[in-house]
N, C-alpha and C. Protein backbone atom coordinates (compact mmCIF):
# COMPACT_ATOMS: atom_id res chain seq x y z
N UNK A 1 -0.06 7.30 -6.74
CA UNK A 1 1.43 7.24 -7.02
C UNK A 1 2.09 8.04 -5.97
N UNK A 2 1.73 9.19 -5.87
CA UNK A 2 2.29 10.16 -4.75
C UNK A 2 2.42 9.43 -3.45
N UNK A 3 1.20 8.96 -2.92
CA UNK A 3 0.93 8.29 -1.89
C UNK A 3 1.84 7.17 -1.70
N UNK A 4 2.19 6.27 -2.64
CA UNK A 4 2.89 5.13 -2.54
C UNK A 4 4.55 5.77 -2.55
N UNK A 5 4.64 6.69 -3.37
CA UNK A 5 6.26 7.08 -3.26
C UNK A 5 6.49 7.62 -1.86
N UNK A 6 5.57 8.46 -1.31
CA UNK A 6 5.85 8.92 -0.10
C UNK A 6 5.88 7.95 1.01
N UNK A 7 5.18 6.97 1.02
CA UNK A 7 5.24 5.79 1.89
C UNK A 7 6.76 5.05 1.60
N UNK A 8 6.97 4.87 0.47
CA UNK A 8 8.09 3.92 0.21
C UNK A 8 9.46 4.79 0.67
N UNK A 9 9.35 6.02 0.43
CA UNK A 9 10.51 7.03 0.98
C UNK A 9 10.62 6.84 2.41
N UNK A 10 9.87 6.67 3.28
CA UNK A 10 10.21 6.67 4.51
C UNK A 10 10.62 5.29 5.20
N UNK A 11 11.16 5.55 6.34
CA UNK A 11 11.67 4.01 6.93
C UNK A 11 10.49 3.42 7.29
N UNK A 12 10.38 1.83 7.22
CA UNK A 12 9.50 1.29 7.63
C UNK A 12 8.63 1.44 8.83
N UNK A 13 9.85 1.69 10.01
CA UNK A 13 9.16 1.95 11.16
C UNK A 13 8.29 3.33 11.37
N UNK A 14 8.44 4.13 10.35
CA UNK A 14 7.62 5.51 10.36
C UNK A 14 6.26 5.35 9.59
N UNK A 15 6.11 3.96 9.12
CA UNK A 15 4.46 3.94 8.35
C UNK A 15 3.54 3.56 9.56
N UNK A 16 2.32 4.02 8.98
CA UNK A 16 1.21 3.71 10.03
C UNK A 16 1.17 2.35 10.63
N UNK A 17 1.40 1.34 9.44
CA UNK A 17 1.10 -0.01 10.01
C UNK A 17 2.12 -0.64 11.04
N UNK A 18 3.29 0.14 10.98
CA UNK A 18 4.42 -0.31 12.01
C UNK A 18 3.94 0.52 13.46
N UNK A 19 3.00 1.12 13.56
CA UNK A 19 2.65 1.68 14.87
C UNK A 19 2.54 0.86 16.09
N UNK A 20 2.19 -0.39 15.99
CA UNK A 20 1.85 -1.31 16.80
C UNK A 20 3.44 -1.53 17.40
N UNK A 21 4.47 -1.51 16.65
CA UNK A 21 5.68 -1.87 17.19
C UNK A 21 6.46 -0.83 17.93
N UNK A 22 5.68 0.41 17.83
CA UNK A 22 6.27 1.63 18.47
C UNK A 22 5.39 2.04 19.93
N UNK A 23 4.37 1.05 19.89
CA UNK A 23 3.51 1.48 21.20
C UNK A 23 4.24 0.75 22.32
N UNK A 24 3.82 1.37 23.53
CA UNK A 24 4.32 0.77 24.94
C UNK A 24 3.95 -0.68 24.86
N UNK A 25 4.64 -1.61 25.52
CA UNK A 25 4.28 -2.81 25.87
C UNK A 25 3.12 -3.05 26.69
N UNK A 26 2.16 -3.89 26.43
CA UNK A 26 0.86 -3.88 27.25
C UNK A 26 1.33 -4.39 28.83
N UNK A 27 0.49 -4.00 29.49
CA UNK A 27 0.79 -4.31 30.96
C UNK A 27 0.90 -5.76 31.11
N UNK A 28 2.04 -6.18 31.78
CA UNK A 28 2.20 -7.82 32.31
C UNK A 28 2.97 -8.43 31.22
N UNK A 29 3.40 -7.95 29.85
CA UNK A 29 4.33 -8.35 28.96
C UNK A 29 5.64 -8.27 29.43
N UNK A 30 6.34 -9.32 29.30
CA UNK A 30 7.90 -9.37 29.74
C UNK A 30 8.47 -8.32 28.53
N UNK A 31 9.56 -7.61 28.64
CA UNK A 31 10.40 -6.76 28.10
C UNK A 31 10.92 -7.55 26.72
N UNK A 32 11.35 -9.01 26.95
CA UNK A 32 11.76 -9.47 25.68
C UNK A 32 10.68 -10.06 24.88
N UNK A 33 9.60 -10.19 25.53
CA UNK A 33 8.25 -10.56 24.56
C UNK A 33 7.96 -9.37 23.79
N UNK A 34 8.06 -8.27 24.31
CA UNK A 34 7.63 -6.90 23.73
C UNK A 34 8.84 -6.74 22.57
N UNK A 35 10.17 -6.99 22.77
CA UNK A 35 11.19 -6.60 21.74
C UNK A 35 10.95 -7.63 20.88
N UNK A 36 10.48 -8.77 21.08
CA UNK A 36 10.21 -9.93 19.83
C UNK A 36 9.10 -9.49 18.95
N UNK A 37 8.19 -9.09 19.73
CA UNK A 37 6.79 -8.72 18.95
C UNK A 37 7.33 -7.55 17.83
N UNK A 38 8.22 -6.32 18.44
CA UNK A 38 8.41 -5.27 17.95
C UNK A 38 9.30 -5.70 16.51
N UNK A 39 10.03 -6.59 16.85
CA UNK A 39 11.26 -7.07 15.93
C UNK A 39 10.26 -7.75 14.69
N UNK A 40 9.35 -8.60 15.10
CA UNK A 40 8.53 -9.38 14.11
C UNK A 40 7.61 -8.56 13.10
N UNK A 41 7.19 -7.47 13.75
CA UNK A 41 6.19 -6.44 12.93
C UNK A 41 7.24 -5.93 11.98
N UNK A 42 8.12 -5.37 12.55
CA UNK A 42 9.04 -4.44 11.44
C UNK A 42 9.63 -5.57 10.55
N UNK A 43 10.30 -6.68 10.97
CA UNK A 43 10.71 -7.38 9.64
C UNK A 43 9.70 -8.11 8.84
N UNK A 44 8.57 -8.22 9.41
CA UNK A 44 7.52 -8.73 8.45
C UNK A 44 7.14 -7.57 7.42
N UNK A 45 7.18 -6.31 7.73
CA UNK A 45 6.81 -5.36 6.99
C UNK A 45 7.94 -5.36 5.84
N UNK A 46 9.06 -5.30 6.41
CA UNK A 46 10.31 -5.09 5.73
C UNK A 46 10.36 -6.19 4.65
N UNK A 47 10.00 -7.49 4.89
CA UNK A 47 10.34 -8.66 3.94
C UNK A 47 8.85 -8.99 3.10
N UNK A 48 7.76 -8.64 3.52
CA UNK A 48 6.65 -8.83 2.90
C UNK A 48 6.21 -7.89 2.24
N UNK A 49 5.48 -6.86 3.07
CA UNK A 49 4.73 -5.57 2.65
C UNK A 49 5.42 -4.77 1.65
N UNK A 50 6.62 -4.23 2.24
CA UNK A 50 7.31 -3.11 1.30
C UNK A 50 7.64 -3.62 -0.03
N UNK A 51 8.28 -5.01 -0.19
CA UNK A 51 8.55 -5.47 -1.47
C UNK A 51 7.02 -5.47 -2.27
N UNK A 52 6.12 -5.81 -1.55
CA UNK A 52 4.73 -5.98 -2.24
C UNK A 52 4.19 -4.61 -2.81
N UNK A 53 4.53 -3.51 -1.84
CA UNK A 53 4.30 -2.17 -2.48
C UNK A 53 5.04 -1.64 -3.60
N UNK A 54 6.38 -2.26 -3.77
CA UNK A 54 7.37 -1.65 -4.63
C UNK A 54 6.85 -2.34 -6.11
N UNK A 55 6.35 -3.62 -5.92
CA UNK A 55 5.53 -4.06 -7.07
C UNK A 55 4.42 -3.84 -7.56
N UNK A 56 3.61 -3.46 -6.66
CA UNK A 56 2.43 -2.39 -6.72
C UNK A 56 2.78 -1.24 -7.53
N UNK A 57 3.53 -0.47 -7.12
CA UNK A 57 4.27 0.67 -7.78
C UNK A 57 4.47 0.65 -8.97
N UNK A 58 5.35 -0.51 -9.36
CA UNK A 58 5.92 -0.79 -10.85
C UNK A 58 4.72 -1.08 -11.71
N UNK A 59 3.87 -1.96 -11.29
CA UNK A 59 2.96 -2.23 -12.01
C UNK A 59 2.18 -1.09 -12.23
N UNK A 60 1.65 -0.22 -11.42
CA UNK A 60 0.79 0.93 -11.73
C UNK A 60 1.64 2.03 -12.65
N UNK A 61 2.90 2.11 -12.56
CA UNK A 61 3.55 3.11 -13.32
C UNK A 61 3.95 2.55 -14.51
N UNK A 62 4.43 1.24 -14.91
CA UNK A 62 4.77 0.74 -16.00
C UNK A 62 3.80 -0.02 -16.90
N UNK A 63 2.74 -0.38 -16.48
CA UNK A 63 1.72 -1.42 -16.93
C UNK A 63 0.52 -0.57 -17.10
N UNK A 64 -0.13 -0.38 -16.10
CA UNK A 64 -1.54 0.19 -15.94
C UNK A 64 -1.53 1.80 -16.46
N UNK A 65 -1.00 2.67 -15.90
CA UNK A 65 -1.19 4.02 -16.22
C UNK A 65 -0.98 4.29 -17.73
N UNK A 66 0.13 3.66 -18.25
CA UNK A 66 0.42 4.13 -19.46
C UNK A 66 -0.90 3.61 -20.32
N UNK A 67 -1.33 2.56 -20.12
CA UNK A 67 -2.70 2.22 -20.68
C UNK A 67 -4.20 2.77 -20.31
N UNK A 68 -4.01 3.68 -19.44
CA UNK A 68 -5.18 3.96 -18.93
C UNK A 68 -5.97 4.91 -20.08
N UNK A 69 -7.25 5.38 -19.80
CA UNK A 69 -7.93 6.27 -20.53
C UNK A 69 -8.05 7.22 -19.93
N UNK A 70 -8.06 8.47 -20.46
CA UNK A 70 -8.21 9.91 -19.76
C UNK A 70 -9.41 10.71 -20.17
N UNK A 71 -9.73 11.75 -19.25
CA UNK A 71 -10.81 12.46 -19.61
C UNK A 71 -11.99 11.85 -20.08
N UNK A 72 -12.46 12.37 -21.04
CA UNK A 72 -13.88 11.77 -21.66
C UNK A 72 -14.16 10.43 -22.10
N UNK A 73 -12.75 9.70 -22.06
CA UNK A 73 -12.68 8.15 -22.41
C UNK A 73 -12.71 7.31 -20.91
N UNK A 74 -12.85 8.07 -19.96
CA UNK A 74 -12.83 7.31 -18.85
C UNK A 74 -14.26 6.75 -18.42
N UNK A 75 -14.05 5.53 -17.68
CA UNK A 75 -15.36 4.79 -17.22
C UNK A 75 -15.87 3.96 -18.63
N UNK A 76 -17.37 3.63 -18.18
CA UNK A 76 -17.89 2.60 -18.96
C UNK A 76 -18.16 3.71 -20.50
N UNK A 77 -18.72 4.76 -20.30
CA UNK A 77 -19.00 5.62 -21.40
C UNK A 77 -17.93 5.78 -22.59
N UNK A 78 -16.50 5.53 -22.02
CA UNK A 78 -15.46 5.66 -22.72
C UNK A 78 -15.43 4.32 -23.76
N UNK A 79 -15.86 3.29 -23.40
CA UNK A 79 -16.08 1.84 -24.18
C UNK A 79 -17.13 2.08 -25.18
N UNK A 80 -16.70 1.02 -26.31
CA UNK A 80 -17.80 1.12 -27.55
C UNK A 80 -19.10 0.49 -26.72
N UNK A 81 -20.13 1.04 -27.01
CA UNK A 81 -21.41 0.91 -26.68
C UNK A 81 -21.46 0.97 -25.16
N UNK A 82 -20.59 1.95 -24.65
CA UNK A 82 -20.66 2.33 -23.06
C UNK A 82 -21.64 2.96 -22.54
N UNK A 83 -22.43 3.79 -23.39
CA UNK A 83 -23.25 4.67 -22.86
C UNK A 83 -24.60 3.67 -22.71
N UNK A 84 -24.73 2.92 -23.70
CA UNK A 84 -25.75 1.70 -23.68
C UNK A 84 -25.67 1.03 -22.30
N UNK A 85 -24.58 0.81 -21.92
CA UNK A 85 -24.23 -0.08 -20.53
C UNK A 85 -24.80 0.67 -19.31
N UNK A 86 -24.68 2.10 -19.38
CA UNK A 86 -24.92 2.75 -18.41
C UNK A 86 -26.66 3.34 -17.97
N UNK A 87 -27.40 2.71 -19.12
CA UNK A 87 -29.04 2.83 -18.81
C UNK A 87 -29.37 1.85 -17.80
N UNK A 88 -30.24 2.53 -17.25
CA UNK A 88 -31.06 1.65 -16.26
C UNK A 88 -31.82 0.53 -17.04
């Protein structure tokens, strides 16, 4: 959760996945093409990826984490007959 919160708190241009947009243009690329590429990368992250991460965070916080098992109940061993499932 902390990792998602940290990422979502930053501007999209600061995200690692947006780093290609901050990179210099490849040799031979016209400036207009590089600007279009940069805008497309940032726009795609803003429109598609960021909302998906917001939904993922909500799912984790609101539905999965409250229902999760903790400490000795984690993993297969915490389920009925779980120890039997773990035998080779």
